Protein backbone atom coordinates (compact mmCIF):
# COMPACT_ATOMS: atom_id res chain seq x y z
CA UNK A 1 -17.27 9.06 -10.90
CA UNK A 2 -13.87 10.77 -10.78
CA UNK A 3 -12.00 10.88 -14.08
CA UNK A 4 -8.55 12.08 -15.07
CA UNK A 5 -7.12 12.80 -18.52
CA UNK A 6 -3.66 13.75 -19.79
CA UNK A 7 -3.27 15.34 -23.22
CA UNK A 8 -0.12 15.99 -25.24
CA UNK A 9 0.30 18.82 -27.75
CA UNK A 10 3.38 18.85 -29.95
CA UNK A 11 5.22 22.12 -29.58
CA UNK A 12 5.84 23.72 -33.02
CA UNK A 13 7.30 27.07 -34.04
CA UNK A 14 4.34 27.81 -36.32
CA UNK A 15 0.60 28.28 -36.26
CA UNK A 16 -2.22 27.07 -38.44
CA UNK A 17 -2.19 30.44 -40.22
CA UNK A 18 1.44 30.01 -41.20
CA UNK A 19 2.73 32.80 -38.97
CA UNK A 20 5.87 32.87 -36.86
CA UNK A 21 7.66 30.09 -38.61
CA UNK A 22 11.42 29.94 -38.92
CA UNK A 23 10.98 30.34 -42.68
CA UNK A 24 9.79 33.89 -42.04
CA UNK A 25 13.41 34.88 -41.21
CA UNK A 26 15.66 36.69 -43.70
CA UNK A 27 16.58 35.87 -46.42
CA UNK A 28 13.68 33.53 -46.92
CA UNK A 29 11.13 36.14 -45.80
CA UNK A 30 10.77 38.92 -43.19
CA UNK A 31 11.65 42.61 -43.29
CA UNK A 32 14.54 45.00 -43.11
CA UNK A 33 14.62 48.75 -42.40
CA UNK A 34 16.65 51.38 -44.28
CA UNK A 35 17.73 54.62 -42.61
CA UNK A 36 19.52 57.78 -43.70
CA UNK A 37 21.84 57.31 -40.72
CA UNK A 38 25.35 56.48 -41.96
CA UNK A 39 25.72 53.95 -39.03
CA UNK A 40 22.63 52.05 -40.42
CA UNK A 41 23.63 51.87 -44.05
CA UNK A 42 23.24 55.47 -45.20
CA UNK A 43 20.39 54.86 -47.63
CA UNK A 44 17.95 57.65 -48.42
CA UNK A 45 15.32 56.87 -51.10
CA UNK A 46 14.04 59.43 -53.59
CA UNK A 47 12.51 59.46 -57.08
CA UNK A 48 15.82 58.95 -58.76
CA UNK A 49 17.06 56.06 -56.61
CA UNK A 50 18.97 56.44 -53.33
CA UNK A 51 21.78 58.57 -52.09
CA UNK A 52 24.11 58.22 -49.09
CA UNK A 53 23.29 60.47 -46.23
CA UNK A 54 25.82 63.23 -45.66
CA UNK A 55 25.68 66.58 -43.89
CA UNK A 56 27.76 69.70 -43.61
CA UNK A 57 27.81 72.67 -41.26
CA UNK A 58 27.71 76.16 -42.87
CA UNK A 59 29.24 79.35 -41.46
CA UNK A 60 26.17 80.05 -39.33
CA UNK A 61 26.42 76.72 -37.61
CA UNK A 62 23.40 75.22 -39.33
CA UNK A 63 23.55 71.52 -40.43
CA UNK A 64 22.64 71.12 -44.11
CA UNK A 65 22.21 67.89 -46.19
CA UNK A 66 24.74 67.28 -48.95
CA UNK A 67 23.45 65.34 -51.95
CA UNK A 68 25.83 63.11 -53.86
CA UNK A 69 25.35 61.00 -56.90
CA UNK A 70 22.43 58.55 -56.96
CA UNK A 71 23.25 54.99 -56.03
CA UNK A 72 21.20 51.85 -57.10
CA UNK A 73 18.50 50.59 -54.86
CA UNK A 74 19.26 47.62 -52.62
CA UNK A 75 19.01 44.37 -54.55
CA UNK A 76 16.02 42.26 -53.55
CA UNK A 77 17.12 39.15 -51.68
CA UNK A 78 20.32 40.70 -50.43
CA UNK A 79 18.88 43.36 -48.14
CA UNK A 80 20.23 41.67 -44.99
CA UNK A 81 23.98 41.42 -44.50
CA UNK A 82 24.39 38.17 -42.68
CA UNK A 83 27.80 39.24 -41.43
CA UNK A 84 26.30 42.44 -39.95
CA UNK A 85 22.46 42.00 -39.88
CA UNK A 86 21.40 45.42 -38.52
CA UNK A 87 17.70 46.39 -38.32
CA UNK A 88 16.56 42.83 -39.12
CA UNK A 89 13.55 41.41 -37.31
CA UNK A 90 14.16 37.72 -36.54
CA UNK A 91 12.26 34.72 -35.11
CA UNK A 92 14.15 32.45 -32.75
CA UNK A 93 13.01 29.07 -31.36
CA UNK A 94 14.69 27.25 -28.53
CA UNK A 95 16.29 24.01 -29.70
CA UNK A 96 15.01 22.29 -26.48
CA UNK A 97 11.21 22.79 -26.50
CA UNK A 98 9.55 20.21 -24.20
CA UNK A 99 6.19 18.92 -25.33
CA UNK A 100 3.18 20.78 -23.91
CA UNK A 101 1.00 18.70 -21.57
CA UNK A 102 -2.43 19.27 -20.07
CA UNK A 103 -3.70 17.28 -17.10
CA UNK A 104 -7.49 17.28 -16.54
CA UNK A 105 -9.51 15.82 -13.69
CA UNK A 106 -13.05 16.02 -12.44
CA UNK A 107 -15.35 14.63 -9.78
CA UNK A 108 -19.03 14.68 -10.42
CA UNK A 109 -22.11 13.74 -8.34
CA UNK A 110 -25.63 13.62 -9.90
CA UNK A 111 -28.79 13.42 -7.90
CA UNK A 112 -32.45 13.25 -8.96
CA UNK A 113 -34.48 15.72 -6.81
CA UNK A 114 -37.98 15.04 -8.16
CA UNK A 115 -39.43 12.95 -11.01
CA UNK A 116 -38.75 15.85 -13.43
CA UNK A 117 -35.65 17.57 -11.89
CA UNK A 118 -32.03 16.55 -11.42
CA UNK A 119 -28.89 18.30 -10.15
CA UNK A 120 -25.30 17.75 -11.12
CA UNK A 121 -22.49 18.96 -8.86
CA UNK A 122 -18.91 18.83 -10.22
CA UNK A 123 -15.37 19.93 -9.40
CA UNK A 124 -13.30 20.40 -12.61
CA UNK A 125 -9.57 21.11 -12.69
CA UNK A 126 -6.77 21.43 -15.21
CA UNK A 127 -3.04 21.95 -15.08
CA UNK A 128 -0.94 22.76 -18.10
CA UNK A 129 2.83 23.10 -18.38
CA UNK A 130 5.43 23.72 -21.10
CA UNK A 131 3.03 26.10 -22.89
CA UNK A 132 4.33 28.20 -25.74
CA UNK A 133 5.62 31.72 -24.83
CA UNK A 134 6.79 34.36 -27.32
CA UNK A 135 8.57 37.54 -26.33
CA UNK A 136 11.03 40.07 -27.78
CA UNK A 137 14.44 38.96 -26.56
CA UNK A 138 15.87 42.29 -27.61
CA UNK A 139 13.54 44.57 -25.69
CA UNK A 140 14.62 47.25 -23.25
CA UNK A 141 16.26 45.92 -20.03
CA UNK A 142 15.00 46.93 -16.61
CA UNK A 143 17.28 49.18 -14.43
CA UNK A 144 19.48 50.23 -17.36
CA UNK A 145 19.96 53.29 -19.48
CA UNK A 146 17.45 53.83 -22.29
CA UNK A 147 18.11 51.89 -25.42
CA UNK A 148 19.87 49.19 -23.55
CA UNK A 149 19.20 45.77 -25.21
CA UNK A 150 21.03 42.49 -25.33
CA UNK A 151 22.00 42.46 -28.97
CA UNK A 152 23.62 45.25 -30.98
CA UNK A 153 25.91 45.29 -33.97
CA UNK A 154 29.55 46.26 -33.95
CA UNK A 155 28.59 49.96 -34.22
CA UNK A 156 26.28 49.82 -31.25
CA UNK A 157 23.08 49.89 -33.37
CA UNK A 158 20.11 47.87 -32.12
CA UNK A 159 19.93 44.51 -33.87
CA UNK A 160 16.07 44.78 -34.13
CA UNK A 161 13.39 42.60 -32.55
CA UNK A 162 14.02 38.94 -31.84
CA UNK A 163 10.71 37.06 -31.30
CA UNK A 164 11.91 34.26 -29.09
CA UNK A 165 9.84 31.13 -28.57
CA UNK A 166 10.10 29.08 -25.39
CA UNK A 167 7.84 26.43 -23.90
CA UNK A 168 7.93 27.91 -20.38
CA UNK A 169 4.33 28.71 -19.92
CA UNK A 170 2.08 27.17 -17.22
CA UNK A 171 -1.63 27.49 -16.19
CA UNK A 172 -4.10 25.98 -13.82
CA UNK A 173 -7.92 26.11 -13.57
CA UNK A 174 -10.19 25.08 -10.69
CA UNK A 175 -14.02 25.32 -10.74
CA UNK A 176 -17.14 24.35 -8.96
CA UNK A 177 -19.91 23.68 -11.46
CA UNK A 178 -23.65 23.25 -10.58
CA UNK A 179 -26.14 22.28 -13.19
CA UNK A 180 -29.93 21.87 -12.65
CA UNK A 181 -32.22 20.43 -15.34
CA UNK A 182 -36.01 20.18 -15.16
CA UNK A 183 -38.16 18.46 -17.80
CA UNK A 184 -41.45 19.85 -19.04
CA UNK A 185 -43.91 19.84 -16.14
CA UNK A 186 -46.97 22.01 -15.71
CA UNK A 187 -46.14 23.73 -18.98
CA UNK A 188 -42.65 24.80 -17.86
CA UNK A 189 -39.16 23.40 -18.38
CA UNK A 190 -35.81 24.99 -17.46
CA UNK A 191 -32.07 24.52 -17.08
CA UNK A 192 -29.79 26.51 -14.74
CA UNK A 193 -26.03 26.50 -14.59
CA UNK A 194 -23.59 28.18 -12.20
CA UNK A 195 -19.79 28.13 -12.29
CA UNK A 196 -17.42 29.46 -9.59
CA UNK A 197 -13.88 29.21 -10.98
CA UNK A 198 -10.40 30.75 -11.10
CA UNK A 199 -7.93 30.44 -13.92
CA UNK A 200 -4.24 31.55 -13.52
CA UNK A 201 -1.30 31.49 -15.95
CA UNK A 202 1.75 33.28 -17.32
CA UNK A 203 0.80 32.40 -20.91
CA UNK A 204 -2.77 33.43 -21.81
CA UNK A 205 -1.94 33.35 -25.49
CA UNK A 206 1.13 31.97 -27.19
CA UNK A 207 1.83 35.32 -28.90
CA UNK A 208 0.57 37.57 -26.14
CA UNK A 209 2.52 36.61 -23.05
CA UNK A 210 2.40 40.12 -21.54
CA UNK A 211 -1.44 40.23 -21.52
CA UNK A 212 -3.17 42.19 -18.80
CA UNK A 213 -0.43 44.62 -18.60
CA UNK A 214 3.17 45.02 -19.31
CA UNK A 215 4.90 42.31 -21.21
CA UNK A 216 7.85 40.18 -20.28
CA UNK A 217 10.45 41.94 -18.16
CA UNK A 218 13.97 41.46 -19.44
CA UNK A 219 17.08 41.57 -17.25
CA UNK A 220 20.64 40.93 -18.24
CA UNK A 221 20.26 37.08 -18.06
CA UNK A 222 16.77 36.00 -18.78
CA UNK A 223 13.12 37.08 -19.05
CA UNK A 224 11.07 37.07 -15.87
CA UNK A 225 8.00 34.85 -16.52
CA UNK A 226 7.21 34.60 -12.82
CA UNK A 227 6.33 38.29 -12.72
CA UNK A 228 3.63 37.64 -15.29
CA UNK A 229 1.83 34.96 -13.35
CA UNK A 230 -1.70 35.98 -12.49
CA UNK A 231 -5.33 35.63 -13.46
CA UNK A 232 -5.84 34.59 -16.99
CA UNK A 233 -7.14 37.16 -19.42
CA UNK A 234 -10.33 35.17 -19.86
CA UNK A 235 -10.80 34.49 -16.19
CA UNK A 236 -14.34 35.07 -14.92
CA UNK A 237 -14.95 34.11 -11.27
CA UNK A 238 -18.72 33.63 -11.51
CA UNK A 239 -21.10 32.81 -14.37
CA UNK A 240 -24.78 32.06 -14.08
CA UNK A 241 -27.25 31.23 -16.85
CA UNK A 242 -30.94 30.34 -16.72
CA UNK A 243 -32.92 29.15 -19.66
CA UNK A 244 -36.68 28.55 -19.33
CA UNK A 245 -39.46 27.63 -21.77
CA UNK A 246 -43.04 27.88 -20.73
CA UNK A 247 -46.54 27.73 -22.24
CA UNK A 248 -48.62 30.82 -21.34
CA UNK A 249 -51.67 29.77 -19.23
CA UNK A 250 -54.35 31.27 -21.49
CA UNK A 251 -56.85 29.56 -23.79
CA UNK A 252 -58.58 26.22 -24.17
CA UNK A 253 -57.31 23.61 -21.71
CA UNK A 254 -55.19 26.18 -19.79
CA UNK A 255 -55.40 27.58 -16.28
CA UNK A 256 -56.84 30.91 -17.39
CA UNK A 257 -59.63 31.75 -19.94
CA UNK A 258 -60.02 28.08 -20.60
CA UNK A 259 -63.68 28.43 -21.73
CA UNK A 260 -63.52 30.99 -24.52
CA UNK A 261 -64.82 31.11 -28.05
CA UNK A 262 -62.68 29.48 -30.82
CA UNK A 263 -61.86 32.75 -32.50
CA UNK A 264 -60.65 34.34 -29.30
CA UNK A 265 -58.64 31.23 -28.43
CA UNK A 266 -56.92 31.53 -31.78
CA UNK A 267 -55.75 34.98 -30.75
CA UNK A 268 -54.59 34.50 -27.17
CA UNK A 269 -54.14 30.65 -26.76
CA UNK A 270 -51.20 28.53 -27.63
CA UNK A 271 -48.47 31.12 -27.03
CA UNK A 272 -45.07 30.02 -25.56
CA UNK A 273 -42.40 32.14 -23.89
CA UNK A 274 -38.69 31.52 -23.83
CA UNK A 275 -36.18 33.45 -21.69
CA UNK A 276 -32.41 33.34 -21.27
CA UNK A 277 -30.86 35.19 -18.39
CA UNK A 278 -27.05 35.58 -18.13
CA UNK A 279 -24.98 37.03 -15.26
CA UNK A 280 -21.18 37.23 -15.46
CA UNK A 281 -18.58 38.79 -13.28
CA UNK A 282 -16.05 41.12 -14.84
CA UNK A 283 -12.82 40.23 -16.59
CA UNK A 284 -9.28 40.97 -15.27
CA UNK A 285 -7.72 44.39 -15.75
CA UNK A 286 -4.31 45.86 -14.89
CA UNK A 287 -3.09 49.44 -14.53
CA UNK A 288 -0.07 50.09 -16.74
CA UNK A 289 2.22 53.00 -17.60
CA UNK A 290 4.82 53.88 -20.23
CA UNK A 291 5.80 57.30 -18.92
CA UNK A 292 7.44 58.87 -15.94
CA UNK A 293 6.86 62.45 -14.77
CA UNK A 294 9.96 64.03 -13.31
CA UNK A 295 11.20 67.47 -12.43
CA UNK A 296 13.70 68.35 -15.15
CA UNK A 297 15.11 71.69 -16.32
CA UNK A 298 12.12 73.72 -17.60
CA UNK A 299 9.55 72.19 -15.25
CA UNK A 300 7.58 68.92 -15.28
CA UNK A 301 8.30 66.82 -18.33
CA UNK A 302 6.72 63.55 -19.41
CA UNK A 303 9.53 61.23 -20.22
CA UNK A 304 9.32 57.80 -21.77
CA UNK A 305 10.31 55.07 -19.38
CA UNK A 306 12.76 53.53 -21.84
CA UNK A 307 9.98 52.60 -24.29
CA UNK A 308 8.70 49.94 -21.80
CA UNK A 309 5.13 49.12 -20.92
CA UNK A 310 5.08 48.30 -17.25
CA UNK A 311 2.54 47.72 -14.45
CA UNK A 312 2.02 50.53 -11.95
CA UNK A 313 2.95 50.52 -8.34
CA UNK A 314 0.07 49.90 -5.85
CA UNK A 315 0.38 52.68 -3.23
CA UNK A 316 -3.03 52.15 -1.46
CA UNK A 317 -5.92 49.78 -1.21
CA UNK A 318 -7.85 48.82 -4.36
CA UNK A 319 -11.47 49.97 -4.11
CA UNK A 320 -14.27 50.32 -6.60
CA UNK A 321 -16.54 53.41 -6.55
CA UNK A 322 -17.96 51.91 -9.77
CA UNK A 323 -18.75 55.22 -11.41
CA UNK A 324 -18.42 55.78 -15.13
CA UNK A 325 -16.04 58.63 -14.30
CA UNK A 326 -14.03 56.46 -11.85
CA UNK A 327 -14.59 52.76 -11.88
CA UNK A 328 -11.79 52.25 -9.33
CA UNK A 329 -9.92 54.58 -7.03
CA UNK A 330 -7.32 56.02 -9.28
CA UNK A 331 -5.38 57.60 -6.37
CA UNK A 332 -4.17 54.16 -5.31
CA UNK A 333 -1.59 53.89 -8.11
CA UNK A 334 1.76 55.53 -8.77
CA UNK A 335 4.75 55.15 -11.15
CA UNK A 336 7.27 52.56 -10.28
CA UNK A 337 10.80 53.83 -9.35
CA UNK A 338 13.21 54.76 -12.07
CA UNK A 339 16.87 55.32 -12.53
CA UNK A 340 18.03 58.93 -12.86
CA UNK A 341 14.64 60.25 -11.61
CA UNK A 342 15.44 63.93 -12.33
CA UNK A 343 17.28 63.53 -15.50
CA UNK A 344 16.38 63.50 -19.18
CA UNK A 345 16.86 59.81 -19.66
CA UNK A 346 15.25 57.26 -17.43
CA UNK A 347 13.94 53.71 -17.33
CA UNK A 348 12.09 51.67 -14.72
CA UNK A 349 14.09 49.77 -12.10
CA UNK A 350 11.61 46.84 -11.54
CA UNK A 351 8.07 45.78 -12.49
CA UNK A 352 5.35 47.57 -10.60
CA UNK A 353 4.01 46.09 -7.41
CA UNK A 354 0.51 45.72 -8.84
CA UNK A 355 0.02 42.09 -9.76
CA UNK A 356 -0.96 41.16 -13.33
CA UNK A 357 -4.70 40.95 -13.80
CA UNK A 358 -5.34 41.51 -10.12
CA UNK A 359 -8.25 43.91 -10.64
CA UNK A 360 -11.68 43.32 -12.26
CA UNK A 361 -13.81 45.25 -14.68
CA UNK A 362 -17.62 45.69 -14.87
CA UNK A 363 -19.96 42.73 -14.59
CA UNK A 364 -22.37 41.80 -17.35
CA UNK A 365 -26.11 41.08 -17.19
CA UNK A 366 -28.36 40.21 -20.10
CA UNK A 367 -31.96 39.07 -20.49
CA UNK A 368 -33.11 37.71 -23.88
CA UNK A 369 -36.73 36.68 -24.50
CA UNK A 370 -38.87 35.42 -27.30
CA UNK A 371 -42.61 34.76 -27.65
CA UNK A 372 -44.17 32.74 -30.40
CA UNK A 373 -47.23 30.88 -31.57
CA UNK A 374 -48.21 28.32 -34.29
CA UNK A 375 -51.19 29.14 -36.49
CA UNK A 376 -52.36 25.89 -38.19
CA UNK A 377 -54.14 26.45 -41.48
CA UNK A 378 -54.85 22.91 -42.51
CA UNK A 379 -53.17 19.53 -42.10
CA UNK A 380 -49.48 19.88 -42.83
CA UNK A 381 -49.65 23.57 -43.33
CA UNK A 382 -48.96 26.18 -40.63
CA UNK A 383 -47.57 29.65 -39.93
CA UNK A 384 -45.24 30.24 -37.04
CA UNK A 385 -44.79 33.74 -35.64
CA UNK A 386 -42.00 34.77 -33.32
CA UNK A 387 -41.05 38.05 -31.59
CA UNK A 388 -37.44 38.11 -30.20
CA UNK A 389 -35.95 40.73 -27.85
CA UNK A 390 -32.20 40.74 -27.18
CA UNK A 391 -31.16 42.60 -24.04
CA UNK A 392 -34.86 43.08 -23.17
CA UNK A 393 -34.14 45.42 -20.24
CA UNK A 394 -31.70 47.50 -22.35
CA UNK A 395 -29.09 47.15 -19.57
CA UNK A 396 -25.75 48.86 -20.61
CA UNK A 397 -22.98 46.38 -21.12
CA UNK A 398 -19.97 48.51 -20.27
CA UNK A 399 -16.44 47.82 -21.53
CA UNK A 400 -13.47 47.79 -19.23
CA UNK A 401 -12.18 51.22 -18.08
CA UNK A 402 -9.16 53.01 -19.44
CA UNK A 403 -6.20 51.43 -17.66
CA UNK A 404 -3.36 53.79 -18.75
CA UNK A 405 -2.00 55.57 -15.69
CA UNK A 406 -0.89 58.50 -17.79
CA UNK A 407 -4.07 58.75 -19.90
CA UNK A 408 -6.46 61.71 -19.48
CA UNK A 409 -9.35 59.14 -19.20
CA UNK A 410 -7.53 56.91 -16.62
CA UNK A 411 -10.12 54.87 -14.69
CA UNK A 412 -13.01 56.04 -16.81
CA UNK A 413 -15.53 53.90 -18.79
CA UNK A 414 -16.21 55.50 -22.12
CA UNK A 415 -17.98 52.82 -24.18
CA UNK A 416 -20.26 49.84 -24.19
CA UNK A 417 -19.87 46.48 -25.89
CA UNK A 418 -20.58 46.43 -29.58
CA UNK A 419 -24.15 45.59 -30.54
CA UNK A 420 -25.19 45.29 -26.85
CA UNK A 421 -28.18 47.67 -27.04
CA UNK A 422 -31.73 46.24 -26.99
CA UNK A 423 -32.62 44.78 -30.37
CA UNK A 424 -36.13 43.56 -31.50
CA UNK A 425 -36.85 41.02 -34.20
CA UNK A 426 -40.06 39.80 -35.73
CA UNK A 427 -40.24 36.71 -37.88
CA UNK A 428 -42.95 34.79 -39.73
CA UNK A 429 -42.31 31.32 -41.02
CA UNK A 430 -44.60 29.39 -43.39
CA UNK A 431 -44.27 25.59 -43.36
CA UNK A 432 -46.02 23.05 -45.55
C-alpha cells in the first residue's frame, strides 16, 4: 500500500551540543586575535606584558624592532571593539529561516513465493527542503584579487570569519529496495536485501556544506549553492547483504553420519553455521585543488589560489584503472582558470567543471562467519562454544584515494579502513 509522510523540523541556530549558537558571539563568548601589526591593534605579548609594535630602518637599510614601554594586557571582556570589530569571528543567522520539511513516500508490494519464503519489493523516496546551510560569508571571492572579501574594517583589514546560517539546503533520495526472507526449512534460514538508490543534495551536513570538494563559492552578491548540488557524501548506489543460518548436516538425525556412536556424535553433531556477506559500492569523491602552477619570474612557482579550495577542471573522460597507484586516470584533470595567470597573485575565476561528488571510490566486500555448538551437561546446565571470524577472506577494505590535484600521492590509495583486517574470536559460555 502506498504511503506518504511529511515531517517538520524547527530550524534553530544551535545544535544539541550547544555549538554555533548566537550566544557564542563576542562579547558573550567567541575569540579575538591580536597581532603586532599596528593596523590590527599593535599588541605584542611578552613576559612583562605587551608593547606596541614599532620598527625603524638603520643606516644599512635593515628594518629593526623598537621596544617601547610595556602596556597592560587587554582587559578580559573588552577584547572586541564593537565600533571597529577587527579579527573577530562571528556567527550570523538569517532572520527569515523557513522551517525545514521532509516529504517521504513509498510503494511496497509483498508476495509469498513458497510456504517458507516471501519477497518484498519497494520504491522509497524522500524530498527535503529548507535544510540548514552554514558557510563563511567572509571567504575569498571568485575572480577577484587575493584577500578580497565582503567585509573589512575602515583600515582595509579583514573582519574575520562570519559563519552564516541559511535554510537554503535541499536533498532528494530515490531507491528500489528488495527484501527476501526464508524461514527455517531443511535446517537453513536466510534473509537477503538489495538496495539500488541515489541521494543528491547541496547540504550533506549542516556545518559541512562544501563536502566532497570545495566549499561554497562566494561572488559579490551571494553564495552559489547550486554549484554544490551533487551526490550526497553518504550516497551508495548499490548495497547487498545476505545473512544465513544453517545446521551442519552431520550427526544423529542429520543427512550425513547419522548412525554414529554417541561419543563421536558429541564431537561432530549439533554444530550450526552463521554467515553474513556484505557488498557495497564506493562512496562519492571529488578532485580538488588549492594551488595554481604558473610561469613566474624565476621559473615555475606554486602559488596559492587565493586561499580557496576549489574543484578541478575535467579535461578528459573519467576512467578507472583501479590500481593502488592510480585508482582513476589522473591525467583527466587540470587547474581551473585564474586571473593574472603569470603573476605573483592569482585566484580562481570560477568553480571547476568537475561536478561535486561525481566520482566514486573503491567498493567494499566483507564476509563474516561464526560456528558454534551447545554441549549439554545436565538438565538446565550447558556450555556453548562459538568461533567467530570477521572478514573471513581477509579482503582489503581500501579507503578512498588521495583527491588533492597538487598532492604527490594524487589518485593513489595508501591505506585501508581501520580494523578491517581478518579477526578471529573464540568464546565459551557456561549457562545454568
